Amino acid sequence: MVGKRSVNAAEIRGYIKTRCQLGVSAKEIFDELCVHGQNEVSYPTVTRWIKKFKSGCDSINDAPKSGRPCSATSNTMVNKVCDVVKSDARLTVHQIASRVGISAASVFRILKRNLKMRRITARWILHLLSDKQKHVRLETARKLLKMFPKYQRKQFSDIITGDET
């Protein structure tokens, strides 16, 4: 149960609140939840929520979280990064970050994960293989395996391959 969040946490908290208002002890509430559920809540969680309800808290929902929201990888930011890279593919990650207004790590994450780009010879290019390129790679690998039927690590370490770009 450690670190897990129940899907129906609000229902469980509502049940704890109702039973608490009826004067039922934390141990009894926990036992009832274990019988009806599948250990979806721990005993310390039950006691913590009972303490909150007794201190005057009426809400069964989580308190709003403080801090900055995760907005660096939103669709608008992805589009901004894409537009900047399309305008000049020779920019560094730090230059893109300063133009867009997010961290360099976020720009790098957007370029790699969202836009599927990689840096080759000082340019950001899309790294997707066409079906033909995938087929050529597969055929080349098959030919190599036929050339070396008895696989030896030394033989494969001497092979030099190139990229399609």
N, C-alpha and C. Protein backbone atom coordinates (compact mmCIF):
# COMPACT_ATOMS: atom_id res chain seq x y z
N MET A 1 0.82 -1.20 0.00
CA MET A 1 0.00 0.00 0.00
C MET A 1 0.85 1.26 0.00
N VAL A 2 2.12 1.13 0.31
CA VAL A 2 2.97 2.31 0.42
C VAL A 2 3.11 2.97 -0.94
N GLY A 3 2.83 4.26 -1.00
CA GLY A 3 3.00 5.03 -2.22
C GLY A 3 1.90 4.87 -3.24
N LYS A 4 0.89 4.09 -2.95
CA LYS A 4 -0.20 3.90 -3.91
C LYS A 4 -1.32 4.86 -3.63
N ARG A 5 -1.99 5.29 -4.67
CA ARG A 5 -3.15 6.17 -4.53
C ARG A 5 -4.36 5.40 -4.99
N SER A 6 -5.36 5.30 -4.14
CA SER A 6 -6.57 4.59 -4.51
C SER A 6 -7.36 5.38 -5.54
N VAL A 7 -7.98 4.66 -6.46
CA VAL A 7 -8.77 5.31 -7.51
C VAL A 7 -9.97 6.01 -6.90
N ASN A 8 -10.53 5.43 -5.87
CA ASN A 8 -11.72 6.01 -5.25
C ASN A 8 -11.38 6.60 -3.88
N ALA A 9 -10.33 7.41 -3.82
CA ALA A 9 -9.88 8.01 -2.57
C ALA A 9 -10.95 8.92 -1.96
N ALA A 10 -11.66 9.66 -2.78
CA ALA A 10 -12.69 10.57 -2.26
C ALA A 10 -13.82 9.77 -1.60
N GLU A 11 -14.18 8.63 -2.16
CA GLU A 11 -15.22 7.79 -1.56
C GLU A 11 -14.76 7.25 -0.21
N ILE A 12 -13.50 6.82 -0.15
CA ILE A 12 -12.97 6.28 1.10
C ILE A 12 -12.93 7.38 2.16
N ARG A 13 -12.49 8.58 1.78
CA ARG A 13 -12.46 9.69 2.74
C ARG A 13 -13.86 10.07 3.19
N GLY A 14 -14.82 10.02 2.28
CA GLY A 14 -16.21 10.29 2.66
C GLY A 14 -16.72 9.27 3.66
N TYR A 15 -16.37 8.01 3.46
CA TYR A 15 -16.75 6.95 4.39
C TYR A 15 -16.10 7.19 5.76
N ILE A 16 -14.80 7.55 5.75
CA ILE A 16 -14.10 7.83 7.01
C ILE A 16 -14.75 9.00 7.73
N LYS A 17 -15.10 10.04 6.98
CA LYS A 17 -15.72 11.23 7.58
C LYS A 17 -17.07 10.88 8.21
N THR A 18 -17.88 10.13 7.48
CA THR A 18 -19.21 9.76 8.00
C THR A 18 -19.09 8.91 9.25
N ARG A 19 -18.22 7.91 9.20
CA ARG A 19 -18.06 7.02 10.37
C ARG A 19 -17.46 7.79 11.55
N CYS A 20 -16.58 8.75 11.27
CA CYS A 20 -15.99 9.57 12.33
C CYS A 20 -17.06 10.41 13.01
N GLN A 21 -18.00 10.98 12.23
CA GLN A 21 -19.07 11.79 12.78
C GLN A 21 -20.02 10.95 13.65
N LEU A 22 -20.09 9.65 13.35
CA LEU A 22 -20.93 8.75 14.15
C LEU A 22 -20.21 8.28 15.41
N GLY A 23 -18.94 8.64 15.57
CA GLY A 23 -18.20 8.30 16.78
C GLY A 23 -17.50 6.96 16.72
N VAL A 24 -17.32 6.40 15.56
CA VAL A 24 -16.65 5.11 15.41
C VAL A 24 -15.15 5.33 15.50
N SER A 25 -14.44 4.41 16.16
CA SER A 25 -12.99 4.57 16.35
C SER A 25 -12.24 4.30 15.04
N ALA A 26 -11.00 4.78 15.03
CA ALA A 26 -10.16 4.63 13.84
C ALA A 26 -9.91 3.15 13.54
N LYS A 27 -9.70 2.35 14.57
CA LYS A 27 -9.45 0.91 14.37
C LYS A 27 -10.65 0.24 13.74
N GLU A 28 -11.84 0.57 14.22
CA GLU A 28 -13.06 -0.03 13.65
C GLU A 28 -13.26 0.40 12.20
N ILE A 29 -13.01 1.68 11.91
CA ILE A 29 -13.15 2.18 10.53
C ILE A 29 -12.16 1.46 9.62
N PHE A 30 -10.93 1.32 10.10
CA PHE A 30 -9.91 0.63 9.31
C PHE A 30 -10.32 -0.82 9.05
N ASP A 31 -10.80 -1.50 10.08
CA ASP A 31 -11.24 -2.90 9.91
C ASP A 31 -12.39 -3.00 8.92
N GLU A 32 -13.33 -2.05 8.99
CA GLU A 32 -14.46 -2.06 8.05
C GLU A 32 -13.98 -1.84 6.61
N LEU A 33 -13.04 -0.93 6.44
CA LEU A 33 -12.51 -0.68 5.10
C LEU A 33 -11.76 -1.90 4.56
N CYS A 34 -11.06 -2.61 5.43
CA CYS A 34 -10.33 -3.80 5.00
C CYS A 34 -11.29 -4.92 4.61
N VAL A 35 -12.44 -5.01 5.29
CA VAL A 35 -13.42 -6.04 4.96
C VAL A 35 -14.08 -5.72 3.62
N HIS A 36 -14.47 -4.46 3.42
CA HIS A 36 -15.20 -4.09 2.21
C HIS A 36 -14.27 -3.85 1.02
N GLY A 37 -13.09 -3.35 1.27
CA GLY A 37 -12.15 -3.07 0.20
C GLY A 37 -11.07 -4.12 0.16
N GLN A 38 -10.00 -3.79 -0.48
CA GLN A 38 -8.87 -4.70 -0.56
C GLN A 38 -7.62 -3.99 -0.06
N ASN A 39 -7.66 -3.56 1.20
CA ASN A 39 -6.56 -2.81 1.81
C ASN A 39 -6.17 -1.61 0.96
N GLU A 40 -7.15 -0.83 0.56
CA GLU A 40 -6.88 0.33 -0.28
C GLU A 40 -6.38 1.52 0.52
N VAL A 41 -6.43 1.44 1.83
CA VAL A 41 -5.99 2.54 2.67
C VAL A 41 -5.29 1.96 3.90
N SER A 42 -4.25 2.64 4.37
CA SER A 42 -3.51 2.16 5.53
C SER A 42 -4.11 2.74 6.82
N TYR A 43 -3.76 2.12 7.94
CA TYR A 43 -4.27 2.58 9.23
C TYR A 43 -3.80 4.01 9.54
N PRO A 44 -2.51 4.35 9.30
CA PRO A 44 -2.10 5.74 9.55
C PRO A 44 -2.87 6.76 8.70
N THR A 45 -3.26 6.37 7.50
CA THR A 45 -4.06 7.27 6.65
C THR A 45 -5.42 7.50 7.27
N VAL A 46 -6.03 6.44 7.77
CA VAL A 46 -7.34 6.56 8.43
C VAL A 46 -7.23 7.49 9.63
N THR A 47 -6.21 7.30 10.46
CA THR A 47 -6.06 8.15 11.65
C THR A 47 -5.77 9.60 11.26
N ARG A 48 -4.99 9.80 10.18
CA ARG A 48 -4.68 11.17 9.74
C ARG A 48 -5.94 11.89 9.29
N TRP A 49 -6.80 11.20 8.52
CA TRP A 49 -8.03 11.84 8.04
C TRP A 49 -9.03 12.06 9.19
N ILE A 50 -9.08 11.16 10.13
CA ILE A 50 -9.95 11.36 11.31
C ILE A 50 -9.50 12.60 12.08
N LYS A 51 -8.18 12.75 12.23
CA LYS A 51 -7.64 13.91 12.93
C LYS A 51 -8.01 15.21 12.19
N LYS A 52 -7.94 15.19 10.84
CA LYS A 52 -8.30 16.37 10.05
C LYS A 52 -9.78 16.70 10.21
N PHE A 53 -10.63 15.67 10.17
CA PHE A 53 -12.07 15.92 10.28
C PHE A 53 -12.43 16.42 11.67
N LYS A 54 -11.78 15.92 12.70
CA LYS A 54 -12.06 16.37 14.07
C LYS A 54 -11.55 17.78 14.32
N SER A 55 -10.52 18.20 13.56
CA SER A 55 -9.99 19.55 13.74
C SER A 55 -10.77 20.60 12.96
N GLY A 56 -11.79 20.17 12.19
CA GLY A 56 -12.66 21.12 11.52
C GLY A 56 -12.59 21.10 10.00
N CYS A 57 -11.76 20.27 9.45
CA CYS A 57 -11.67 20.18 7.99
C CYS A 57 -12.90 19.42 7.47
N ASP A 58 -13.64 20.03 6.53
CA ASP A 58 -14.83 19.38 6.00
C ASP A 58 -14.61 18.76 4.62
N SER A 59 -13.58 19.17 3.93
CA SER A 59 -13.35 18.71 2.56
C SER A 59 -12.74 17.31 2.54
N ILE A 60 -13.22 16.49 1.63
CA ILE A 60 -12.64 15.15 1.47
C ILE A 60 -11.65 15.13 0.30
N ASN A 61 -11.45 16.27 -0.33
CA ASN A 61 -10.52 16.37 -1.46
C ASN A 61 -9.15 16.82 -0.97
N ASP A 62 -8.13 16.57 -1.78
CA ASP A 62 -6.78 17.02 -1.45
C ASP A 62 -6.71 18.53 -1.49
N ALA A 63 -5.82 19.08 -0.68
CA ALA A 63 -5.57 20.52 -0.71
C ALA A 63 -4.85 20.85 -2.01
N PRO A 64 -5.05 22.04 -2.54
CA PRO A 64 -4.33 22.41 -3.76
C PRO A 64 -2.82 22.39 -3.52
N LYS A 65 -2.10 21.92 -4.50
CA LYS A 65 -0.65 21.80 -4.38
C LYS A 65 0.01 23.14 -4.68
N SER A 66 1.07 23.41 -3.94
CA SER A 66 1.81 24.64 -4.18
C SER A 66 2.90 24.37 -5.21
N GLY A 67 3.47 25.40 -5.73
CA GLY A 67 4.56 25.23 -6.68
C GLY A 67 4.12 25.53 -8.09
N ARG A 68 5.08 25.52 -8.94
CA ARG A 68 4.86 25.85 -10.34
C ARG A 68 4.28 24.65 -11.08
N PRO A 69 3.26 24.85 -11.89
CA PRO A 69 2.70 23.73 -12.64
C PRO A 69 3.64 23.29 -13.75
N CYS A 70 3.55 22.04 -14.11
CA CYS A 70 4.38 21.51 -15.19
C CYS A 70 3.81 21.99 -16.52
N SER A 71 4.42 23.04 -17.06
CA SER A 71 3.90 23.60 -18.29
C SER A 71 4.94 23.62 -19.40
N ALA A 72 6.13 23.13 -19.12
CA ALA A 72 7.21 23.21 -20.10
C ALA A 72 6.96 22.29 -21.29
N THR A 73 6.28 21.19 -21.08
CA THR A 73 6.06 20.26 -22.20
C THR A 73 4.62 20.31 -22.70
N SER A 74 3.99 21.44 -22.55
CA SER A 74 2.63 21.58 -23.07
C SER A 74 2.69 21.66 -24.60
N ASN A 75 1.55 21.51 -25.22
CA ASN A 75 1.50 21.56 -26.69
C ASN A 75 1.98 22.90 -27.23
N THR A 76 1.68 23.97 -26.52
CA THR A 76 2.12 25.29 -27.00
C THR A 76 3.64 25.40 -26.97
N MET A 77 4.25 24.87 -25.90
CA MET A 77 5.72 24.91 -25.82
C MET A 77 6.36 24.03 -26.88
N VAL A 78 5.76 22.86 -27.11
CA VAL A 78 6.28 21.96 -28.14
C VAL A 78 6.22 22.66 -29.50
N ASN A 79 5.11 23.33 -29.76
CA ASN A 79 4.97 24.05 -31.03
C ASN A 79 5.97 25.20 -31.14
N LYS A 80 6.20 25.92 -30.02
CA LYS A 80 7.16 27.02 -30.04
C LYS A 80 8.57 26.50 -30.34
N VAL A 81 8.95 25.41 -29.67
CA VAL A 81 10.28 24.83 -29.89
C VAL A 81 10.40 24.37 -31.35
N CYS A 82 9.36 23.74 -31.84
CA CYS A 82 9.36 23.27 -33.23
C CYS A 82 9.53 24.43 -34.20
N ASP A 83 8.82 25.53 -33.96
CA ASP A 83 8.92 26.70 -34.84
C ASP A 83 10.32 27.31 -34.81
N VAL A 84 10.92 27.38 -33.60
CA VAL A 84 12.26 27.95 -33.48
C VAL A 84 13.27 27.07 -34.23
N VAL A 85 13.15 25.75 -34.08
CA VAL A 85 14.07 24.84 -34.75
C VAL A 85 13.89 24.91 -36.27
N LYS A 86 12.63 25.04 -36.72
CA LYS A 86 12.39 25.14 -38.16
C LYS A 86 12.97 26.43 -38.73
N SER A 87 12.95 27.49 -37.93
CA SER A 87 13.50 28.76 -38.42
C SER A 87 15.02 28.71 -38.51
N ASP A 88 15.68 28.02 -37.56
CA ASP A 88 17.14 27.89 -37.60
C ASP A 88 17.52 26.60 -36.89
N ALA A 89 17.84 25.59 -37.66
CA ALA A 89 18.16 24.27 -37.10
C ALA A 89 19.54 24.21 -36.47
N ARG A 90 20.34 25.26 -36.64
CA ARG A 90 21.70 25.25 -36.11
C ARG A 90 21.80 25.81 -34.69
N LEU A 91 20.69 26.16 -34.09
CA LEU A 91 20.70 26.71 -32.74
C LEU A 91 21.04 25.63 -31.72
N THR A 92 21.70 26.05 -30.64
CA THR A 92 21.99 25.12 -29.55
C THR A 92 20.75 25.01 -28.65
N VAL A 93 20.78 24.04 -27.78
CA VAL A 93 19.67 23.85 -26.84
C VAL A 93 19.50 25.10 -25.97
N HIS A 94 20.61 25.67 -25.53
CA HIS A 94 20.54 26.86 -24.67
C HIS A 94 19.98 28.06 -25.42
N GLN A 95 20.32 28.20 -26.68
CA GLN A 95 19.78 29.30 -27.47
C GLN A 95 18.28 29.13 -27.68
N ILE A 96 17.85 27.90 -27.95
CA ILE A 96 16.41 27.63 -28.10
C ILE A 96 15.69 27.93 -26.80
N ALA A 97 16.29 27.50 -25.68
CA ALA A 97 15.68 27.72 -24.36
C ALA A 97 15.51 29.20 -24.06
N SER A 98 16.50 30.00 -24.39
CA SER A 98 16.38 31.44 -24.12
C SER A 98 15.33 32.09 -25.01
N ARG A 99 15.18 31.61 -26.24
CA ARG A 99 14.17 32.18 -27.14
C ARG A 99 12.76 31.79 -26.73
N VAL A 100 12.59 30.56 -26.25
CA VAL A 100 11.26 30.06 -25.90
C VAL A 100 10.89 30.45 -24.47
N GLY A 101 11.88 30.51 -23.58
CA GLY A 101 11.61 30.91 -22.20
C GLY A 101 11.41 29.74 -21.24
N ILE A 102 12.01 28.59 -21.56
CA ILE A 102 11.97 27.45 -20.65
C ILE A 102 13.40 26.94 -20.45
N SER A 103 13.58 25.97 -19.56
CA SER A 103 14.92 25.49 -19.27
C SER A 103 15.49 24.69 -20.43
N ALA A 104 16.80 24.60 -20.44
CA ALA A 104 17.49 23.83 -21.49
C ALA A 104 17.13 22.35 -21.39
N ALA A 105 16.96 21.85 -20.18
CA ALA A 105 16.58 20.45 -20.01
C ALA A 105 15.20 20.17 -20.60
N SER A 106 14.29 21.11 -20.43
CA SER A 106 12.95 20.95 -21.00
C SER A 106 12.99 21.00 -22.52
N VAL A 107 13.82 21.89 -23.06
CA VAL A 107 13.97 21.96 -24.52
C VAL A 107 14.53 20.65 -25.05
N PHE A 108 15.55 20.13 -24.39
CA PHE A 108 16.16 18.87 -24.82
C PHE A 108 15.14 17.74 -24.78
N ARG A 109 14.34 17.70 -23.71
CA ARG A 109 13.31 16.67 -23.56
C ARG A 109 12.27 16.79 -24.69
N ILE A 110 11.87 18.00 -25.00
CA ILE A 110 10.89 18.21 -26.08
C ILE A 110 11.48 17.77 -27.42
N LEU A 111 12.74 18.15 -27.68
CA LEU A 111 13.37 17.78 -28.94
C LEU A 111 13.48 16.27 -29.09
N LYS A 112 13.85 15.59 -28.03
CA LYS A 112 14.06 14.14 -28.10
C LYS A 112 12.74 13.37 -28.06
N ARG A 113 11.92 13.63 -27.05
CA ARG A 113 10.71 12.81 -26.83
C ARG A 113 9.53 13.23 -27.70
N ASN A 114 9.25 14.51 -27.74
CA ASN A 114 8.06 14.97 -28.45
C ASN A 114 8.29 15.12 -29.95
N LEU A 115 9.41 15.73 -30.33
CA LEU A 115 9.66 16.01 -31.73
C LEU A 115 10.51 14.93 -32.40
N LYS A 116 11.03 13.99 -31.61
CA LYS A 116 11.84 12.87 -32.14
C LYS A 116 12.99 13.38 -33.01
N MET A 117 13.70 14.38 -32.50
CA MET A 117 14.82 14.95 -33.24
C MET A 117 16.12 14.60 -32.55
N ARG A 118 17.20 14.65 -33.33
CA ARG A 118 18.51 14.49 -32.75
C ARG A 118 19.47 15.42 -33.47
N ARG A 119 20.59 15.67 -32.84
CA ARG A 119 21.54 16.64 -33.38
C ARG A 119 22.60 15.90 -34.20
N ILE A 120 22.73 16.29 -35.46
CA ILE A 120 23.74 15.71 -36.33
C ILE A 120 24.46 16.87 -37.02
N THR A 121 25.77 16.87 -36.89
CA THR A 121 26.62 17.90 -37.47
C THR A 121 26.04 19.31 -37.27
N ALA A 122 25.78 19.62 -36.02
CA ALA A 122 25.33 20.95 -35.60
C ALA A 122 23.96 21.33 -36.14
N ARG A 123 23.13 20.35 -36.50
CA ARG A 123 21.77 20.64 -36.95
C ARG A 123 20.82 19.68 -36.27
N TRP A 124 19.64 20.17 -35.95
CA TRP A 124 18.59 19.31 -35.39
C TRP A 124 17.79 18.76 -36.56
N ILE A 125 17.76 17.44 -36.69
CA ILE A 125 17.00 16.82 -37.76
C ILE A 125 16.07 15.76 -37.20
N LEU A 126 15.02 15.50 -37.92
CA LEU A 126 14.05 14.49 -37.53
C LEU A 126 14.68 13.12 -37.73
N HIS A 127 14.60 12.28 -36.71
CA HIS A 127 15.20 10.95 -36.81
C HIS A 127 14.12 9.89 -36.88
N LEU A 128 13.60 9.68 -38.05
CA LEU A 128 12.64 8.62 -38.30
C LEU A 128 13.08 7.89 -39.55
N LEU A 129 13.11 6.59 -39.49
CA LEU A 129 13.48 5.81 -40.66
C LEU A 129 12.25 5.53 -41.51
N SER A 130 12.44 5.60 -42.81
CA SER A 130 11.34 5.24 -43.70
C SER A 130 11.24 3.72 -43.74
N ASP A 131 10.15 3.21 -44.29
CA ASP A 131 9.98 1.77 -44.40
C ASP A 131 11.09 1.15 -45.24
N LYS A 132 11.52 1.86 -46.28
CA LYS A 132 12.59 1.36 -47.14
C LYS A 132 13.90 1.26 -46.36
N GLN A 133 14.21 2.28 -45.55
CA GLN A 133 15.43 2.27 -44.75
C GLN A 133 15.40 1.14 -43.72
N LYS A 134 14.24 0.91 -43.11
CA LYS A 134 14.12 -0.18 -42.15
C LYS A 134 14.35 -1.52 -42.84
N HIS A 135 13.81 -1.68 -44.05
CA HIS A 135 13.97 -2.92 -44.81
C HIS A 135 15.44 -3.15 -45.17
N VAL A 136 16.12 -2.08 -45.60
CA VAL A 136 17.54 -2.20 -45.94
C VAL A 136 18.35 -2.59 -44.72
N ARG A 137 18.07 -2.02 -43.57
CA ARG A 137 18.77 -2.40 -42.33
C ARG A 137 18.56 -3.87 -42.00
N LEU A 138 17.32 -4.32 -42.14
CA LEU A 138 17.00 -5.71 -41.84
C LEU A 138 17.74 -6.66 -42.78
N GLU A 139 17.73 -6.35 -44.05
CA GLU A 139 18.41 -7.19 -45.03
C GLU A 139 19.92 -7.21 -44.79
N THR A 140 20.50 -6.06 -44.46
CA THR A 140 21.93 -6.00 -44.17
C THR A 140 22.26 -6.85 -42.95
N ALA A 141 21.45 -6.78 -41.93
CA ALA A 141 21.68 -7.59 -40.73
C ALA A 141 21.60 -9.07 -41.05
N ARG A 142 20.65 -9.46 -41.89
CA ARG A 142 20.53 -10.86 -42.28
C ARG A 142 21.76 -11.33 -43.06
N LYS A 143 22.24 -10.47 -43.96
CA LYS A 143 23.44 -10.82 -44.74
C LYS A 143 24.65 -11.01 -43.82
N LEU A 144 24.79 -10.12 -42.84
CA LEU A 144 25.90 -10.23 -41.90
C LEU A 144 25.82 -11.52 -41.09
N LEU A 145 24.62 -11.89 -40.68
CA LEU A 145 24.47 -13.12 -39.92
C LEU A 145 24.79 -14.35 -40.78
N LYS A 146 24.49 -14.28 -42.09
CA LYS A 146 24.84 -15.39 -42.98
C LYS A 146 26.34 -15.45 -43.22
N MET A 147 26.99 -14.28 -43.27
CA MET A 147 28.43 -14.24 -43.48
C MET A 147 29.18 -14.81 -42.28
N PHE A 148 28.62 -14.66 -41.11
CA PHE A 148 29.26 -15.13 -39.89
C PHE A 148 28.33 -16.10 -39.17
N PRO A 149 28.24 -17.35 -39.67
CA PRO A 149 27.30 -18.29 -39.06
C PRO A 149 27.67 -18.64 -37.62
N LYS A 150 28.93 -18.70 -37.34
CA LYS A 150 29.36 -18.95 -35.97
C LYS A 150 29.69 -17.60 -35.35
N TYR A 151 28.78 -17.08 -34.62
CA TYR A 151 28.92 -15.74 -34.06
C TYR A 151 30.12 -15.68 -33.14
N GLN A 152 30.99 -14.75 -33.43
CA GLN A 152 32.11 -14.46 -32.55
C GLN A 152 32.15 -12.95 -32.35
N ARG A 153 32.28 -12.56 -31.16
CA ARG A 153 32.23 -11.14 -30.82
C ARG A 153 33.31 -10.36 -31.58
N LYS A 154 34.50 -10.95 -31.73
CA LYS A 154 35.59 -10.26 -32.40
C LYS A 154 35.24 -9.93 -33.85
N GLN A 155 34.58 -10.84 -34.53
CA GLN A 155 34.24 -10.61 -35.92
C GLN A 155 33.28 -9.43 -36.07
N PHE A 156 32.30 -9.32 -35.19
CA PHE A 156 31.33 -8.24 -35.29
C PHE A 156 31.91 -6.91 -34.84
N SER A 157 32.94 -6.94 -34.01
CA SER A 157 33.52 -5.67 -33.58
C SER A 157 34.36 -5.03 -34.68
N ASP A 158 34.74 -5.80 -35.70
CA ASP A 158 35.52 -5.26 -36.81
C ASP A 158 34.66 -4.64 -37.91
N ILE A 159 33.34 -4.78 -37.82
CA ILE A 159 32.44 -4.29 -38.86
C ILE A 159 32.16 -2.80 -38.61
N ILE A 160 32.25 -2.01 -39.64
CA ILE A 160 31.97 -0.58 -39.56
C ILE A 160 30.64 -0.33 -40.29
N THR A 161 29.73 0.33 -39.61
CA THR A 161 28.43 0.64 -40.21
C THR A 161 28.27 2.15 -40.30
N GLY A 162 27.34 2.57 -41.12
CA GLY A 162 27.09 4.00 -41.26
C GLY A 162 25.61 4.29 -41.11
N ASP A 163 25.31 5.53 -40.89
CA ASP A 163 23.91 5.97 -40.76
C ASP A 163 23.40 6.46 -42.10
N GLU A 164 22.09 6.44 -42.29
CA GLU A 164 21.50 6.83 -43.55
C GLU A 164 21.49 8.33 -43.77
N THR A 165 21.78 9.10 -42.73
CA THR A 165 21.69 10.56 -42.86
C THR A 165 22.96 11.17 -43.37
